[in-house]
Amino acid sequence: MFDNDERPLYEIKANLFKGLAHPYRIRVLEILSSADEASVSEMLTQTGLEASHLSQHLSVLRRYGLVVSERRASVVYYRLAYPQVADLLMVARQLLDQLLHASADQRAIADTLPSISPAR
């Protein structure tokens, strides 16, 4: 995804955000931000996705270099490739909180979002 070094940095950055641009990919990253690692079965339970859909989202996140996987016996575990991914999610949450602050109805929705742990 980042193989063309001649492109302007803003284009490369926009491409990174394309990798983040799906609610379930954000949710997967939130799950991985709150733990050192998570198995595919744990993420299936927490997201409610079908296995094939989760697999597609994990593939996109791997392709963009945001997560890494490790197979142990018959179980595949995922973790964030960089702790800065959790930081990015936390900053995005803080920005979202500020943007929603003006509306009491929208603020109530923001308060129900699951917590994100800072990078370790």
PDB file of N, CA and C in Angstrom:
ATOM      1  N   MET A   1       0.809  -1.199   0.000  1.00  0.00           N
ATOM      2  CA  MET A   1       0.000   0.000   0.000  1.00  0.00           C
ATOM      3  C   MET A   1       0.849   1.258   0.000  1.00  0.00           C
ATOM      4  N   PHE A   2       2.075   1.178   0.497  1.00  0.00           N
ATOM      5  CA  PHE A   2       2.907   2.357   0.611  1.00  0.00           C
ATOM      6  C   PHE A   2       4.165   2.213  -0.232  1.00  0.00           C
ATOM      7  N   ASP A   3       4.065   1.532  -1.366  1.00  0.00           N
ATOM      8  CA  ASP A   3       5.237   1.196  -2.152  1.00  0.00           C
ATOM      9  C   ASP A   3       5.713   2.310  -3.079  1.00  0.00           C
ATOM     10  N   ASN A   4       4.939   3.335  -3.331  1.00  0.00           N
ATOM     11  CA  ASN A   4       5.344   4.390  -4.247  1.00  0.00           C
ATOM     12  C   ASN A   4       5.867   5.580  -3.456  1.00  0.00           C
ATOM     13  N   ASP A   5       7.184   5.628  -3.281  1.00  0.00           N
ATOM     14  CA  ASP A   5       7.809   6.681  -2.488  1.00  0.00           C
ATOM     15  C   ASP A   5       7.786   8.038  -3.177  1.00  0.00           C
ATOM     16  N   GLU A   6       7.397   8.080  -4.440  1.00  0.00           N
ATOM     17  CA  GLU A   6       7.392   9.341  -5.165  1.00  0.00           C
ATOM     18  C   GLU A   6       6.078  10.098  -5.007  1.00  0.00           C
ATOM     19  N   ARG A   7       5.101   9.464  -4.409  1.00  0.00           N
ATOM     20  CA  ARG A   7       3.832  10.153  -4.181  1.00  0.00           C
ATOM     21  C   ARG A   7       3.986  11.132  -3.027  1.00  0.00           C
ATOM     22  N   PRO A   8       3.232  12.234  -3.037  1.00  0.00           N
ATOM     23  CA  PRO A   8       3.284  13.166  -1.904  1.00  0.00           C
ATOM     24  C   PRO A   8       2.811  12.476  -0.620  1.00  0.00           C
ATOM     25  N   LEU A   9       3.364  12.919   0.493  1.00  0.00           N
ATOM     26  CA  LEU A   9       3.031  12.322   1.781  1.00  0.00           C
ATOM     27  C   LEU A   9       1.530  12.377   2.062  1.00  0.00           C
ATOM     28  N   TYR A  10       0.851  13.456   1.645  1.00  0.00           N
ATOM     29  CA  TYR A  10      -0.583  13.557   1.909  1.00  0.00           C
ATOM     30  C   TYR A  10      -1.364  12.464   1.182  1.00  0.00           C
ATOM     31  N   GLU A  11      -0.893  12.026   0.024  1.00  0.00           N
ATOM     32  CA  GLU A  11      -1.558  10.917  -0.677  1.00  0.00           C
ATOM     33  C   GLU A  11      -1.325   9.597   0.052  1.00  0.00           C
ATOM     34  N   ILE A  12      -0.120   9.395   0.525  1.00  0.00           N
ATOM     35  CA  ILE A  12       0.188   8.175   1.265  1.00  0.00           C
ATOM     36  C   ILE A  12      -0.626   8.135   2.550  1.00  0.00           C
ATOM     37  N   LYS A  13      -0.729   9.283   3.216  1.00  0.00           N
ATOM     38  CA  LYS A  13      -1.513   9.367   4.451  1.00  0.00           C
ATOM     39  C   LYS A  13      -2.989   9.093   4.178  1.00  0.00           C
ATOM     40  N   ALA A  14      -3.508   9.652   3.088  1.00  0.00           N
ATOM     41  CA  ALA A  14      -4.909   9.400   2.730  1.00  0.00           C
ATOM     42  C   ALA A  14      -5.147   7.917   2.486  1.00  0.00           C
ATOM     43  N   ASN A  15      -4.162   7.258   1.888  1.00  0.00           N
ATOM     44  CA  ASN A  15      -4.273   5.824   1.643  1.00  0.00           C
ATOM     45  C   ASN A  15      -4.345   5.052   2.969  1.00  0.00           C
ATOM     46  N   LEU A  16      -3.565   5.486   3.962  1.00  0.00           N
ATOM     47  CA  LEU A  16      -3.641   4.864   5.287  1.00  0.00           C
ATOM     48  C   LEU A  16      -5.055   4.991   5.855  1.00  0.00           C
ATOM     49  N   PHE A  17      -5.637   6.172   5.728  1.00  0.00           N
ATOM     50  CA  PHE A  17      -6.987   6.377   6.250  1.00  0.00           C
ATOM     51  C   PHE A  17      -8.022   5.544   5.503  1.00  0.00           C
ATOM     52  N   LYS A  18      -7.753   5.212   4.250  1.00  0.00           N
ATOM     53  CA  LYS A  18      -8.647   4.302   3.527  1.00  0.00           C
ATOM     54  C   LYS A  18      -8.682   2.936   4.211  1.00  0.00           C
ATOM     55  N   GLY A  19      -7.541   2.513   4.711  1.00  0.00           N
ATOM     56  CA  GLY A  19      -7.486   1.238   5.429  1.00  0.00           C
ATOM     57  C   GLY A  19      -8.284   1.257   6.713  1.00  0.00           C
ATOM     58  N   LEU A  20      -8.466   2.433   7.281  1.00  0.00           N
ATOM     59  CA  LEU A  20      -9.225   2.586   8.522  1.00  0.00           C
ATOM     60  C   LEU A  20     -10.716   2.832   8.270  1.00  0.00           C
ATOM     61  N   ALA A  21     -11.074   3.087   7.036  1.00  0.00           N
ATOM     62  CA  ALA A  21     -12.388   3.641   6.706  1.00  0.00           C
ATOM     63  C   ALA A  21     -13.517   2.623   6.664  1.00  0.00           C
ATOM     64  N   HIS A  22     -13.650   1.846   7.720  1.00  0.00           N
ATOM     65  CA  HIS A  22     -14.809   0.963   7.852  1.00  0.00           C
ATOM     66  C   HIS A  22     -15.082   0.753   9.337  1.00  0.00           C
ATOM     67  N   PRO A  23     -16.344   0.849   9.748  1.00  0.00           N
ATOM     68  CA  PRO A  23     -16.656   0.710  11.177  1.00  0.00           C
ATOM     69  C   PRO A  23     -16.138  -0.585  11.809  1.00  0.00           C
ATOM     70  N   TYR A  24     -16.210  -1.693  11.104  1.00  0.00           N
ATOM     71  CA  TYR A  24     -15.742  -2.944  11.701  1.00  0.00           C
ATOM     72  C   TYR A  24     -14.215  -3.004  11.787  1.00  0.00           C
ATOM     73  N   ARG A  25     -13.520  -2.357  10.883  1.00  0.00           N
ATOM     74  CA  ARG A  25     -12.061  -2.323  11.006  1.00  0.00           C
ATOM     75  C   ARG A  25     -11.668  -1.475  12.214  1.00  0.00           C
ATOM     76  N   ILE A  26     -12.374  -0.380  12.425  1.00  0.00           N
ATOM     77  CA  ILE A  26     -12.133   0.425  13.629  1.00  0.00           C
ATOM     78  C   ILE A  26     -12.430  -0.403  14.869  1.00  0.00           C
ATOM     79  N   ARG A  27     -13.521  -1.152  14.857  1.00  0.00           N
ATOM     80  CA  ARG A  27     -13.878  -1.972  16.020  1.00  0.00           C
ATOM     81  C   ARG A  27     -12.800  -3.017  16.291  1.00  0.00           C
ATOM     82  N   VAL A  28     -12.301  -3.673  15.255  1.00  0.00           N
ATOM     83  CA  VAL A  28     -11.233  -4.664  15.429  1.00  0.00           C
ATOM     84  C   VAL A  28     -10.010  -4.000  16.048  1.00  0.00           C
ATOM     85  N   LEU A  29      -9.646  -2.827  15.572  1.00  0.00           N
ATOM     86  CA  LEU A  29      -8.497  -2.125  16.131  1.00  0.00           C
ATOM     87  C   LEU A  29      -8.741  -1.719  17.581  1.00  0.00           C
ATOM     88  N   GLU A  30      -9.965  -1.357  17.907  1.00  0.00           N
ATOM     89  CA  GLU A  30     -10.297  -1.042  19.307  1.00  0.00           C
ATOM     90  C   GLU A  30     -10.134  -2.277  20.190  1.00  0.00           C
ATOM     91  N   ILE A  31     -10.589  -3.417  19.701  1.00  0.00           N
ATOM     92  CA  ILE A  31     -10.439  -4.672  20.454  1.00  0.00           C
ATOM     93  C   ILE A  31      -8.959  -4.946  20.694  1.00  0.00           C
ATOM     94  N   LEU A  32      -8.160  -4.805  19.647  1.00  0.00           N
ATOM     95  CA  LEU A  32      -6.731  -5.078  19.770  1.00  0.00           C
ATOM     96  C   LEU A  32      -6.016  -4.016  20.596  1.00  0.00           C
ATOM     97  N   SER A  33      -6.576  -2.819  20.687  1.00  0.00           N
ATOM     98  CA  SER A  33      -5.982  -1.764  21.511  1.00  0.00           C
ATOM     99  C   SER A  33      -6.153  -2.036  22.996  1.00  0.00           C
ATOM    100  N   SER A  34      -7.184  -2.795  23.328  1.00  0.00           N
ATOM    101  CA  SER A  34      -7.476  -3.042  24.741  1.00  0.00           C
ATOM    102  C   SER A  34      -6.860  -4.337  25.258  1.00  0.00           C
ATOM    103  N   ALA A  35      -6.097  -5.029  24.427  1.00  0.00           N
ATOM    104  CA  ALA A  35      -5.457  -6.286  24.838  1.00  0.00           C
ATOM    105  C   ALA A  35      -4.123  -6.410  24.098  1.00  0.00           C
ATOM    106  N   ASP A  36      -3.246  -7.220  24.640  1.00  0.00           N
ATOM    107  CA  ASP A  36      -1.973  -7.451  23.951  1.00  0.00           C
ATOM    108  C   ASP A  36      -2.194  -8.152  22.615  1.00  0.00           C
ATOM    109  N   GLU A  37      -3.184  -9.036  22.592  1.00  0.00           N
ATOM    110  CA  GLU A  37      -3.529  -9.776  21.375  1.00  0.00           C
ATOM    111  C   GLU A  37      -4.933 -10.326  21.537  1.00  0.00           C
ATOM    112  N   ALA A  38      -5.506 -10.771  20.421  1.00  0.00           N
ATOM    113  CA  ALA A  38      -6.829 -11.397  20.449  1.00  0.00           C
ATOM    114  C   ALA A  38      -6.870 -12.457  19.371  1.00  0.00           C
ATOM    115  N   SER A  39      -7.527 -13.554  19.686  1.00  0.00           N
ATOM    116  CA  SER A  39      -7.692 -14.615  18.700  1.00  0.00           C
ATOM    117  C   SER A  39      -8.836 -14.251  17.765  1.00  0.00           C
ATOM    118  N   VAL A  40      -8.859 -14.910  16.630  1.00  0.00           N
ATOM    119  CA  VAL A  40      -9.942 -14.692  15.681  1.00  0.00           C
ATOM    120  C   VAL A  40     -11.281 -15.021  16.331  1.00  0.00           C
ATOM    121  N   SER A  41     -11.338 -16.108  17.089  1.00  0.00           N
ATOM    122  CA  SER A  41     -12.615 -16.481  17.718  1.00  0.00           C
ATOM    123  C   SER A  41     -13.061 -15.418  18.723  1.00  0.00           C
ATOM    124  N   GLU A  42     -12.124 -14.813  19.458  1.00  0.00           N
ATOM    125  CA  GLU A  42     -12.495 -13.734  20.377  1.00  0.00           C
ATOM    126  C   GLU A  42     -13.054 -12.537  19.614  1.00  0.00           C
ATOM    127  N   MET A  43     -12.422 -12.213  18.494  1.00  0.00           N
ATOM    128  CA  MET A  43     -12.904 -11.072  17.709  1.00  0.00           C
ATOM    129  C   MET A  43     -14.245 -11.367  17.060  1.00  0.00           C
ATOM    130  N   LEU A  44     -14.463 -12.606  16.663  1.00  0.00           N
ATOM    131  CA  LEU A  44     -15.770 -12.977  16.114  1.00  0.00           C
ATOM    132  C   LEU A  44     -16.856 -12.746  17.153  1.00  0.00           C
ATOM    133  N   THR A  45     -16.595 -13.153  18.381  1.00  0.00           N
ATOM    134  CA  THR A  45     -17.564 -12.975  19.461  1.00  0.00           C
ATOM    135  C   THR A  45     -17.818 -11.496  19.729  1.00  0.00           C
ATOM    136  N   GLN A  46     -16.750 -10.720  19.778  1.00  0.00           N
ATOM    137  CA  GLN A  46     -16.880  -9.306  20.141  1.00  0.00           C
ATOM    138  C   GLN A  46     -17.463  -8.440  19.027  1.00  0.00           C
ATOM    139  N   THR A  47     -17.271  -8.843  17.776  1.00  0.00           N
ATOM    140  CA  THR A  47     -17.788  -8.033  16.670  1.00  0.00           C
ATOM    141  C   THR A  47     -19.146  -8.515  16.165  1.00  0.00           C
ATOM    142  N   GLY A  48     -19.434  -9.807  16.347  1.00  0.00           N
ATOM    143  CA  GLY A  48     -20.669 -10.362  15.809  1.00  0.00           C
ATOM    144  C   GLY A  48     -20.612 -10.601  14.309  1.00  0.00           C
ATOM    145  N   LEU A  49     -19.440 -10.478  13.725  1.00  0.00           N
ATOM    146  CA  LEU A  49     -19.286 -10.691  12.286  1.00  0.00           C
ATOM    147  C   LEU A  49     -19.241 -12.174  11.944  1.00  0.00           C
ATOM    148  N   GLU A  50     -19.567 -12.486  10.697  1.00  0.00           N
ATOM    149  CA  GLU A  50     -19.329 -13.827  10.173  1.00  0.00           C
ATOM    150  C   GLU A  50     -17.835 -13.972   9.939  1.00  0.00           C
ATOM    151  N   ALA A  51     -17.348 -15.194  10.008  1.00  0.00           N
ATOM    152  CA  ALA A  51     -15.909 -15.445   9.883  1.00  0.00           C
ATOM    153  C   ALA A  51     -15.337 -14.893   8.574  1.00  0.00           C
ATOM    154  N   SER A  52     -16.064 -15.062   7.480  1.00  0.00           N
ATOM    155  CA  SER A  52     -15.545 -14.593   6.193  1.00  0.00           C
ATOM    156  C   SER A  52     -15.427 -13.069   6.159  1.00  0.00           C
ATOM    157  N   HIS A  53     -16.373 -12.365   6.780  1.00  0.00           N
ATOM    158  CA  HIS A  53     -16.318 -10.904   6.805  1.00  0.00           C
ATOM    159  C   HIS A  53     -15.185 -10.411   7.687  1.00  0.00           C
ATOM    160  N   LEU A  54     -15.015 -11.042   8.847  1.00  0.00           N
ATOM    161  CA  LEU A  54     -13.909 -10.667   9.719  1.00  0.00           C
ATOM    162  C   LEU A  54     -12.583 -10.911   9.009  1.00  0.00           C
ATOM    163  N   SER A  55     -12.481 -12.037   8.327  1.00  0.00           N
ATOM    164  CA  SER A  55     -11.258 -12.373   7.597  1.00  0.00           C
ATOM    165  C   SER A  55     -10.927 -11.300   6.559  1.00  0.00           C
ATOM    166  N   GLN A  56     -11.932 -10.802   5.860  1.00  0.00           N
ATOM    167  CA  GLN A  56     -11.708  -9.751   4.855  1.00  0.00           C
ATOM    168  C   GLN A  56     -11.194  -8.470   5.506  1.00  0.00           C
ATOM    169  N   HIS A  57     -11.791  -8.092   6.630  1.00  0.00           N
ATOM    170  CA  HIS A  57     -11.361  -6.879   7.321  1.00  0.00           C
ATOM    171  C   HIS A  57      -9.950  -7.034   7.881  1.00  0.00           C
ATOM    172  N   LEU A  58      -9.646  -8.199   8.434  1.00  0.00           N
ATOM    173  CA  LEU A  58      -8.300  -8.443   8.944  1.00  0.00           C
ATOM    174  C   LEU A  58      -7.277  -8.416   7.812  1.00  0.00           C
ATOM    175  N   SER A  59      -7.664  -8.906   6.658  1.00  0.00           N
ATOM    176  CA  SER A  59      -6.785  -8.881   5.493  1.00  0.00           C
ATOM    177  C   SER A  59      -6.449  -7.444   5.088  1.00  0.00           C
ATOM    178  N   VAL A  60      -7.439  -6.585   5.092  1.00  0.00           N
ATOM    179  CA  VAL A  60      -7.214  -5.174   4.762  1.00  0.00           C
ATOM    180  C   VAL A  60      -6.281  -4.549   5.796  1.00  0.00           C
ATOM    181  N   LEU A  61      -6.529  -4.809   7.067  1.00  0.00           N
ATOM    182  CA  LEU A  61      -5.688  -4.238   8.122  1.00  0.00           C
ATOM    183  C   LEU A  61      -4.247  -4.742   8.027  1.00  0.00           C
ATOM    184  N   ARG A  62      -4.070  -6.007   7.663  1.00  0.00           N
ATOM    185  CA  ARG A  62      -2.716  -6.553   7.453  1.00  0.00           C
ATOM    186  C   ARG A  62      -2.057  -5.878   6.253  1.00  0.00           C
ATOM    187  N   ARG A  63      -2.808  -5.739   5.172  1.00  0.00           N
ATOM    188  CA  ARG A  63      -2.280  -5.142   3.947  1.00  0.00           C
ATOM    189  C   ARG A  63      -1.794  -3.705   4.194  1.00  0.00           C
ATOM    190  N   TYR A  64      -2.495  -2.982   5.048  1.00  0.00           N
ATOM    191  CA  TYR A  64      -2.107  -1.610   5.369  1.00  0.00           C
ATOM    192  C   TYR A  64      -1.072  -1.550   6.493  1.00  0.00           C
ATOM    193  N   GLY A  65      -0.644  -2.701   6.986  1.00  0.00           N
ATOM    194  CA  GLY A  65       0.408  -2.746   7.998  1.00  0.00           C
ATOM    195  C   GLY A  65      -0.026  -2.331   9.381  1.00  0.00           C
ATOM    196  N   LEU A  66      -1.321  -2.416   9.669  1.00  0.00           N
ATOM    197  CA  LEU A  66      -1.833  -1.976  10.963  1.00  0.00           C
ATOM    198  C   LEU A  66      -1.876  -3.090  11.996  1.00  0.00           C
ATOM    199  N   VAL A  67      -1.984  -4.343  11.540  1.00  0.00           N
ATOM    200  CA  VAL A  67      -2.002  -5.484  12.452  1.00  0.00           C
ATOM    201  C   VAL A  67      -1.037  -6.550  11.949  1.00  0.00           C
ATOM    202  N   VAL A  68      -0.635  -7.409  12.859  1.00  0.00           N
ATOM    203  CA  VAL A  68       0.175  -8.574  12.514  1.00  0.00           C
ATOM    204  C   VAL A  68      -0.488  -9.790  13.138  1.00  0.00           C
ATOM    205  N   SER A  69      -0.238 -10.941  12.524  1.00  0.00           N
ATOM    206  CA  SER A  69      -0.859 -12.169  13.016  1.00  0.00           C
ATOM    207  C   SER A  69       0.205 -13.202  13.315  1.00  0.00           C
ATOM    208  N   GLU A  70      -0.195 -14.149  14.170  1.00  0.00           N
ATOM    209  CA  GLU A  70       0.686 -15.267  14.520  1.00  0.00           C
ATOM    210  C   GLU A  70      -0.185 -16.493  14.741  1.00  0.00           C
ATOM    211  N   ARG A  71       0.171 -17.577  14.079  1.00  0.00           N
ATOM    212  CA  ARG A  71      -0.554 -18.839  14.246  1.00  0.00           C
ATOM    213  C   ARG A  71       0.152 -19.651  15.315  1.00  0.00           C
ATOM    214  N   ARG A  72      -0.629 -20.117  16.284  1.00  0.00           N
ATOM    215  CA  ARG A  72      -0.140 -21.039  17.307  1.00  0.00           C
ATOM    216  C   ARG A  72      -1.068 -22.237  17.302  1.00  0.00           C
ATOM    217  N   ALA A  73      -0.525 -23.354  16.847  1.00  0.00           N
ATOM    218  CA  ALA A  73      -1.326 -24.568  16.628  1.00  0.00           C
ATOM    219  C   ALA A  73      -2.432 -24.210  15.644  1.00  0.00           C
ATOM    220  N   SER A  74      -3.689 -24.381  16.029  1.00  0.00           N
ATOM    221  CA  SER A  74      -4.786 -24.104  15.104  1.00  0.00           C
ATOM    222  C   SER A  74      -5.441 -22.747  15.357  1.00  0.00           C
ATOM    223  N   VAL A  75      -4.840 -21.927  16.221  1.00  0.00           N
ATOM    224  CA  VAL A  75      -5.430 -20.633  16.577  1.00  0.00           C
ATOM    225  C   VAL A  75      -4.564 -19.510  16.012  1.00  0.00           C
ATOM    226  N   VAL A  76      -5.224 -18.522  15.389  1.00  0.00           N
ATOM    227  CA  VAL A  76      -4.526 -17.346  14.870  1.00  0.00           C
ATOM    228  C   VAL A  76      -4.804 -16.175  15.807  1.00  0.00           C
ATOM    229  N   TYR A  77      -3.724 -15.531  16.229  1.00  0.00           N
ATOM    230  CA  TYR A  77      -3.806 -14.375  17.112  1.00  0.00           C
ATOM    231  C   TYR A  77      -3.376 -13.134  16.345  1.00  0.00           C
ATOM    232  N   TYR A  78      -4.023 -12.024  16.664  1.00  0.00           N
ATOM    233  CA  TYR A  78      -3.689 -10.743  16.052  1.00  0.00           C
ATOM    234  C   TYR A  78      -3.298  -9.763  17.138  1.00  0.00           C
ATOM    235  N   ARG A  79      -2.445  -8.820  16.750  1.00  0.00           N
ATOM    236  CA  ARG A  79      -2.091  -7.714  17.629  1.00  0.00           C
ATOM    237  C   ARG A  79      -1.815  -6.498  16.745  1.00  0.00           C
ATOM    238  N   LEU A  80      -1.806  -5.341  17.377  1.00  0.00           N
ATOM    239  CA  LEU A  80      -1.481  -4.128  16.641  1.00  0.00           C
ATOM    240  C   LEU A  80      -0.031  -4.196  16.189  1.00  0.00           C
ATOM    241  N   ALA A  81       0.222  -3.756  14.985  1.00  0.00           N
ATOM    242  CA  ALA A  81       1.588  -3.747  14.471  1.00  0.00           C
ATOM    243  C   ALA A  81       2.418  -2.650  15.142  1.00  0.00           C
ATOM    244  N   TYR A  82       1.769  -1.581  15.539  1.00  0.00           N
ATOM    245  CA  TYR A  82       2.439  -0.446  16.166  1.00  0.00           C
ATOM    246  C   TYR A  82       1.564   0.094  17.291  1.00  0.00           C
ATOM    247  N   PRO A  83       2.146   0.449  18.430  1.00  0.00           N
ATOM    248  CA  PRO A  83       1.337   1.010  19.521  1.00  0.00           C
ATOM    249  C   PRO A  83       0.702   2.342  19.139  1.00  0.00           C
ATOM    250  N   GLN A  84       1.258   3.026  18.149  1.00  0.00           N
ATOM    251  CA  GLN A  84       0.703   4.307  17.715  1.00  0.00           C
ATOM    252  C   GLN A  84      -0.698   4.159  17.127  1.00  0.00           C
ATOM    253  N   VAL A  85      -1.059   2.958  16.700  1.00  0.00           N
ATOM    254  CA  VAL A  85      -2.421   2.738  16.197  1.00  0.00           C
ATOM    255  C   VAL A  85      -3.418   3.000  17.321  1.00  0.00           C
ATOM    256  N   ALA A  86      -3.117   2.511  18.533  1.00  0.00           N
ATOM    257  CA  ALA A  86      -3.992   2.768  19.688  1.00  0.00           C
ATOM    258  C   ALA A  86      -4.023   4.258  20.003  1.00  0.00           C
ATOM    259  N   ASP A  87      -2.873   4.916  19.885  1.00  0.00           N
ATOM    260  CA  ASP A  87      -2.827   6.362  20.123  1.00  0.00           C
ATOM    261  C   ASP A  87      -3.698   7.098  19.115  1.00  0.00           C
ATOM    262  N   LEU A  88      -3.620   6.684  17.844  1.00  0.00           N
ATOM    263  CA  LEU A  88      -4.431   7.296  16.801  1.00  0.00           C
ATOM    264  C   LEU A  88      -5.923   7.141  17.110  1.00  0.00           C
ATOM    265  N   LEU A  89      -6.319   5.958  17.547  1.00  0.00           N
ATOM    266  CA  LEU A  89      -7.722   5.726  17.896  1.00  0.00           C
ATOM    267  C   LEU A  89      -8.142   6.594  19.078  1.00  0.00           C
ATOM    268  N   MET A  90      -7.247   6.738  20.048  1.00  0.00           N
ATOM    269  CA  MET A  90      -7.571   7.543  21.218  1.00  0.00           C
ATOM    270  C   MET A  90      -7.714   9.018  20.837  1.00  0.00           C
ATOM    271  N   VAL A  91      -6.823   9.527  19.990  1.00  0.00           N
ATOM    272  CA  VAL A  91      -6.928  10.915  19.537  1.00  0.00           C
ATOM    273  C   VAL A  91      -8.202  11.108  18.720  1.00  0.00           C
ATOM    274  N   ALA A  92      -8.517  10.148  17.861  1.00  0.00           N
ATOM    275  CA  ALA A  92      -9.760  10.227  17.082  1.00  0.00           C
ATOM    276  C   ALA A  92     -10.970  10.254  18.001  1.00  0.00           C
ATOM    277  N   ARG A  93     -10.926   9.456  19.076  1.00  0.00           N
ATOM    278  CA  ARG A  93     -12.033   9.448  20.044  1.00  0.00           C
ATOM    279  C   ARG A  93     -12.143  10.791  20.739  1.00  0.00           C
ATOM    280  N   GLN A  94     -11.017  11.391  21.100  1.00  0.00           N
ATOM    281  CA  GLN A  94     -11.039  12.702  21.750  1.00  0.00           C
ATOM    282  C   GLN A  94     -11.601  13.765  20.811  1.00  0.00           C
ATOM    283  N   LEU A  95     -11.202  13.723  19.549  1.00  0.00           N
ATOM    284  CA  LEU A  95     -11.731  14.655  18.563  1.00  0.00           C
ATOM    285  C   LEU A  95     -13.230  14.448  18.388  1.00  0.00           C
ATOM    286  N   LEU A  96     -13.643  13.194  18.279  1.00  0.00           N
ATOM    287  CA  LEU A  96     -15.068  12.888  18.145  1.00  0.00           C
ATOM    288  C   LEU A  96     -15.846  13.419  19.343  1.00  0.00           C
ATOM    289  N   ASP A  97     -15.293  13.246  20.528  1.00  0.00           N
ATOM    290  CA  ASP A  97     -15.936  13.734  21.742  1.00  0.00           C
ATOM    291  C   ASP A  97     -16.135  15.249  21.667  1.00  0.00           C
ATOM    292  N   GLN A  98     -15.130  15.960  21.211  1.00  0.00           N
ATOM    293  CA  GLN A  98     -15.245  17.413  21.093  1.00  0.00           C
ATOM    294  C   GLN A  98     -16.261  17.814  20.031  1.00  0.00           C
ATOM    295  N   LEU A  99     -16.263  17.089  18.907  1.00  0.00           N
ATOM    296  CA  LEU A  99     -17.213  17.406  17.839  1.00  0.00           C
ATOM    297  C   LEU A  99     -18.652  17.150  18.266  1.00  0.00           C
ATOM    298  N   LEU A 100     -18.852  16.125  19.086  1.00  0.00           N
ATOM    299  CA  LEU A 100     -20.201  15.766  19.512  1.00  0.00           C
ATOM    300  C   LEU A 100     -20.660  16.528  20.750  1.00  0.00           C
ATOM    301  N   HIS A 101     -19.750  17.205  21.381  1.00  0.00           N
ATOM    302  CA  HIS A 101     -20.062  17.879  22.639  1.00  0.00           C
ATOM    303  C   HIS A 101     -21.208  18.881  22.513  1.00  0.00           C
ATOM    304  N   ALA A 102     -21.348  19.510  21.374  1.00  0.00           N
ATOM    305  CA  ALA A 102     -22.371  20.541  21.188  1.00  0.00           C
ATOM    306  C   ALA A 102     -23.790  19.982  21.251  1.00  0.00           C
ATOM    307  N   SER A 103     -23.958  18.735  20.959  1.00  0.00           N
ATOM    308  CA  SER A 103     -25.299  18.156  20.925  1.00  0.00           C
ATOM    309  C   SER A 103     -25.469  17.141  22.054  1.00  0.00           C
ATOM    310  N   ALA A 104     -26.408  17.386  22.931  1.00  0.00           N
ATOM    311  CA  ALA A 104     -26.638  16.475  24.066  1.00  0.00           C
ATOM    312  C   ALA A 104     -27.038  15.085  23.583  1.00  0.00           C
ATOM    313  N   ASP A 105     -27.833  14.997  22.532  1.00  0.00           N
ATOM    314  CA  ASP A 105     -28.241  13.697  22.024  1.00  0.00           C
ATOM    315  C   ASP A 105     -27.042  12.927  21.483  1.00  0.00           C
ATOM    316  N   GLN A 106     -26.215  13.598  20.709  1.00  0.00           N
ATOM    317  CA  GLN A 106     -25.039  12.940  20.158  1.00  0.00           C
ATOM    318  C   GLN A 106     -24.030  12.614  21.255  1.00  0.00           C
ATOM    319  N   ARG A 107     -23.952  13.427  22.279  1.00  0.00           N
ATOM    320  CA  ARG A 107     -23.044  13.183  23.406  1.00  0.00           C
ATOM    321  C   ARG A 107     -23.432  11.895  24.126  1.00  0.00           C
ATOM    322  N   ALA A 108     -24.722  11.649  24.267  1.00  0.00           N
ATOM    323  CA  ALA A 108     -25.179  10.422  24.920  1.00  0.00           C
ATOM    324  C   ALA A 108     -24.719   9.195  24.138  1.00  0.00           C
ATOM    325  N   ILE A 109     -24.716   9.291  22.834  1.00  0.00           N
ATOM    326  CA  ILE A 109     -24.231   8.185  21.993  1.00  0.00           C
ATOM    327  C   ILE A 109     -22.731   7.978  22.211  1.00  0.00           C
ATOM    328  N   ALA A 110     -21.974   9.055  22.239  1.00  0.00           N
ATOM    329  CA  ALA A 110     -20.522   8.957  22.423  1.00  0.00           C
ATOM    330  C   ALA A 110     -20.170   8.315  23.763  1.00  0.00           C
ATOM    331  N   ASP A 111     -20.969   8.583  24.791  1.00  0.00           N
ATOM    332  CA  ASP A 111     -20.689   8.021  26.111  1.00  0.00           C
ATOM    333  C   ASP A 111     -20.877   6.511  26.169  1.00  0.00           C
ATOM    334  N   THR A 112     -21.593   5.948  25.201  1.00  0.00           N
ATOM    335  CA  THR A 112     -21.810   4.501  25.199  1.00  0.00           C
ATOM    336  C   THR A 112     -20.730   3.736  24.454  1.00  0.00           C
ATOM    337  N   LEU A 113     -19.778   4.451  23.826  1.00  0.00           N
ATOM    338  CA  LEU A 113     -18.714   3.777  23.093  1.00  0.00           C
ATOM    339  C   LEU A 113     -17.790   3.043  24.058  1.00  0.00           C
ATOM    340  N   PRO A 114     -17.260   1.890  23.649  1.00  0.00           N
ATOM    341  CA  PRO A 114     -16.349   1.154  24.532  1.00  0.00           C
ATOM    342  C   PRO A 114     -15.041   1.928  24.746  1.00  0.00           C
ATOM    343  N   SER A 115     -14.397   1.699  25.868  1.00  0.00           N
ATOM    344  CA  SER A 115     -13.168   2.423  26.174  1.00  0.00           C
ATOM    345  C   SER A 115     -12.010   1.913  25.332  1.00  0.00           C
ATOM    346  N   ILE A 116     -11.032   2.787  25.134  1.00  0.00           N
ATOM    347  CA  ILE A 116      -9.813   2.454  24.413  1.00  0.00           C
ATOM    348  C   ILE A 116      -8.653   2.675  25.353  1.00  0.00           C
ATOM    349  N   SER A 117      -7.813   1.704  25.494  1.00  0.00           N
ATOM    350  CA  SER A 117      -6.642   1.834  26.353  1.00  0.00           C
ATOM    351  C   SER A 117      -5.529   2.523  25.584  1.00  0.00           C
ATOM    352  N   PRO A 118      -4.732   3.341  26.294  1.00  0.00           N
ATOM    353  CA  PRO A 118      -3.592   3.984  25.623  1.00  0.00           C
ATOM    354  C   PRO A 118      -2.528   2.941  25.275  1.00  0.00           C
ATOM    355  N   ALA A 119      -1.638   3.325  24.392  1.00  0.00           N
ATOM    356  CA  ALA A 119      -0.567   2.415  23.969  1.00  0.00           C
ATOM    357  C   ALA A 119       0.283   2.014  25.162  1.00  0.00           C
ATOM    358  N   ARG A 120       0.792   0.823  25.083  1.00  0.00           N
ATOM    359  CA  ARG A 120       1.638   0.326  26.175  1.00  0.00           C
ATOM    360  C   ARG A 120       3.066   0.732  25.953  1.00  0.00           C
TER     361      ARG A 120
END
